[in-house]
Amino acid sequence: MVPISILFLFILIMMLLFKMGNPWKKTSKDFPPGPRPLPVVGNLHIMDLKKPYQTMLEYPNMEAAWVKESHFKALR
């Protein structure tokens, strides 16, 4: 049986490595500047959740998503 402290340390190290990603990879310059999104929820913390349609109207018709280390954009 693996002690819980070793298991916790392994999970913590894996989370840190996943969060760091590739430190040598430069961010793409063809994306417009914007707030840094949080993991999982993205930029939902910035939106007015009572009137989300107003917040979405303030931005251009572009959506973006991160999947691992790849950045995808979709134009409407």
Protein backbone atom coordinates (compact mmCIF):
# COMPACT_ATOMS: atom_id res chain seq x y z
CA MET A 1 0.00 0.00 0.00
CA VAL A 2 1.37 3.42 -0.98
CA PRO A 3 1.48 5.96 1.87
CA ILE A 4 -0.95 8.83 1.37
CA SER A 5 1.82 11.45 1.59
CA ILE A 6 3.69 9.92 -1.37
CA LEU A 7 0.47 9.72 -3.36
CA PHE A 8 -0.33 13.36 -2.55
CA LEU A 9 3.20 14.43 -3.55
CA PHE A 10 2.94 12.55 -6.86
CA ILE A 11 -0.41 14.19 -7.68
CA LEU A 12 0.96 17.63 -6.76
CA ILE A 13 4.02 17.19 -8.99
CA MET A 14 1.87 15.97 -11.90
CA MET A 15 -0.45 18.99 -11.53
CA LEU A 16 2.50 21.38 -11.51
CA LEU A 17 4.04 19.77 -14.60
CA PHE A 18 0.71 19.91 -16.42
CA LYS A 19 0.21 23.56 -15.44
CA MET A 20 3.71 24.59 -16.52
CA GLY A 21 3.38 23.01 -19.94
CA ASN A 22 6.26 23.79 -22.26
CA PRO A 23 8.23 26.78 -20.89
CA TRP A 24 10.06 27.23 -24.20
CA LYS A 25 6.90 27.53 -26.26
CA LYS A 26 6.18 31.14 -27.15
CA THR A 27 2.64 32.44 -27.27
CA SER A 28 1.24 33.16 -30.68
CA LYS A 29 1.24 36.81 -31.74
CA ASP A 30 -1.75 36.50 -34.09
CA PHE A 31 -4.27 36.41 -31.25
CA PRO A 32 -5.63 39.67 -29.85
CA PRO A 33 -4.58 40.56 -26.30
CA GLY A 34 -7.01 39.71 -23.57
CA PRO A 35 -7.34 38.56 -19.98
CA ARG A 36 -5.60 35.37 -18.97
CA PRO A 37 -8.22 32.61 -18.61
CA LEU A 38 -8.51 30.40 -15.56
CA PRO A 39 -8.23 26.60 -15.90
CA VAL A 40 -11.53 24.85 -16.70
CA VAL A 41 -13.81 27.93 -16.39
CA GLY A 42 -11.89 30.13 -18.81
CA ASN A 43 -13.10 33.74 -18.65
CA LEU A 44 -16.53 33.06 -17.15
CA HIS A 45 -15.51 34.98 -14.04
CA ILE A 46 -15.42 38.18 -16.15
CA MET A 47 -18.90 37.81 -17.63
CA ASP A 48 -22.01 39.35 -16.12
CA LEU A 49 -23.90 36.13 -15.47
CA LYS A 50 -27.23 37.95 -15.11
CA LYS A 51 -26.96 39.35 -18.65
CA PRO A 52 -24.45 37.19 -20.56
CA TYR A 53 -25.77 38.29 -23.95
CA GLN A 54 -24.65 41.89 -23.26
CA THR A 55 -21.13 40.75 -22.39
CA MET A 56 -20.94 38.63 -25.56
CA LEU A 57 -22.09 41.57 -27.70
CA GLU A 58 -19.10 43.63 -26.52
CA TYR A 59 -16.62 41.25 -28.16
CA PRO A 60 -16.09 40.38 -31.84
CA ASN A 61 -17.52 37.23 -33.39
CA MET A 62 -14.61 35.06 -32.34
CA GLU A 63 -14.37 32.23 -29.86
CA ALA A 64 -11.21 30.49 -28.73
CA ALA A 65 -10.42 27.32 -26.81
CA TRP A 66 -7.31 25.66 -25.43
CA VAL A 67 -6.91 21.91 -25.74
CA LYS A 68 -3.74 20.89 -23.93
CA GLU A 69 -1.13 23.16 -25.53
CA SER A 70 -3.01 23.93 -28.75
CA HIS A 71 -5.05 27.10 -29.19
CA PHE A 72 -8.05 26.91 -31.50
CA LYS A 73 -10.21 29.77 -32.71
CA ALA A 74 -13.63 29.74 -34.32
CA LEU A 75 -15.16 32.61 -36.23
CA ARG A 76 -18.91 33.01 -36.43
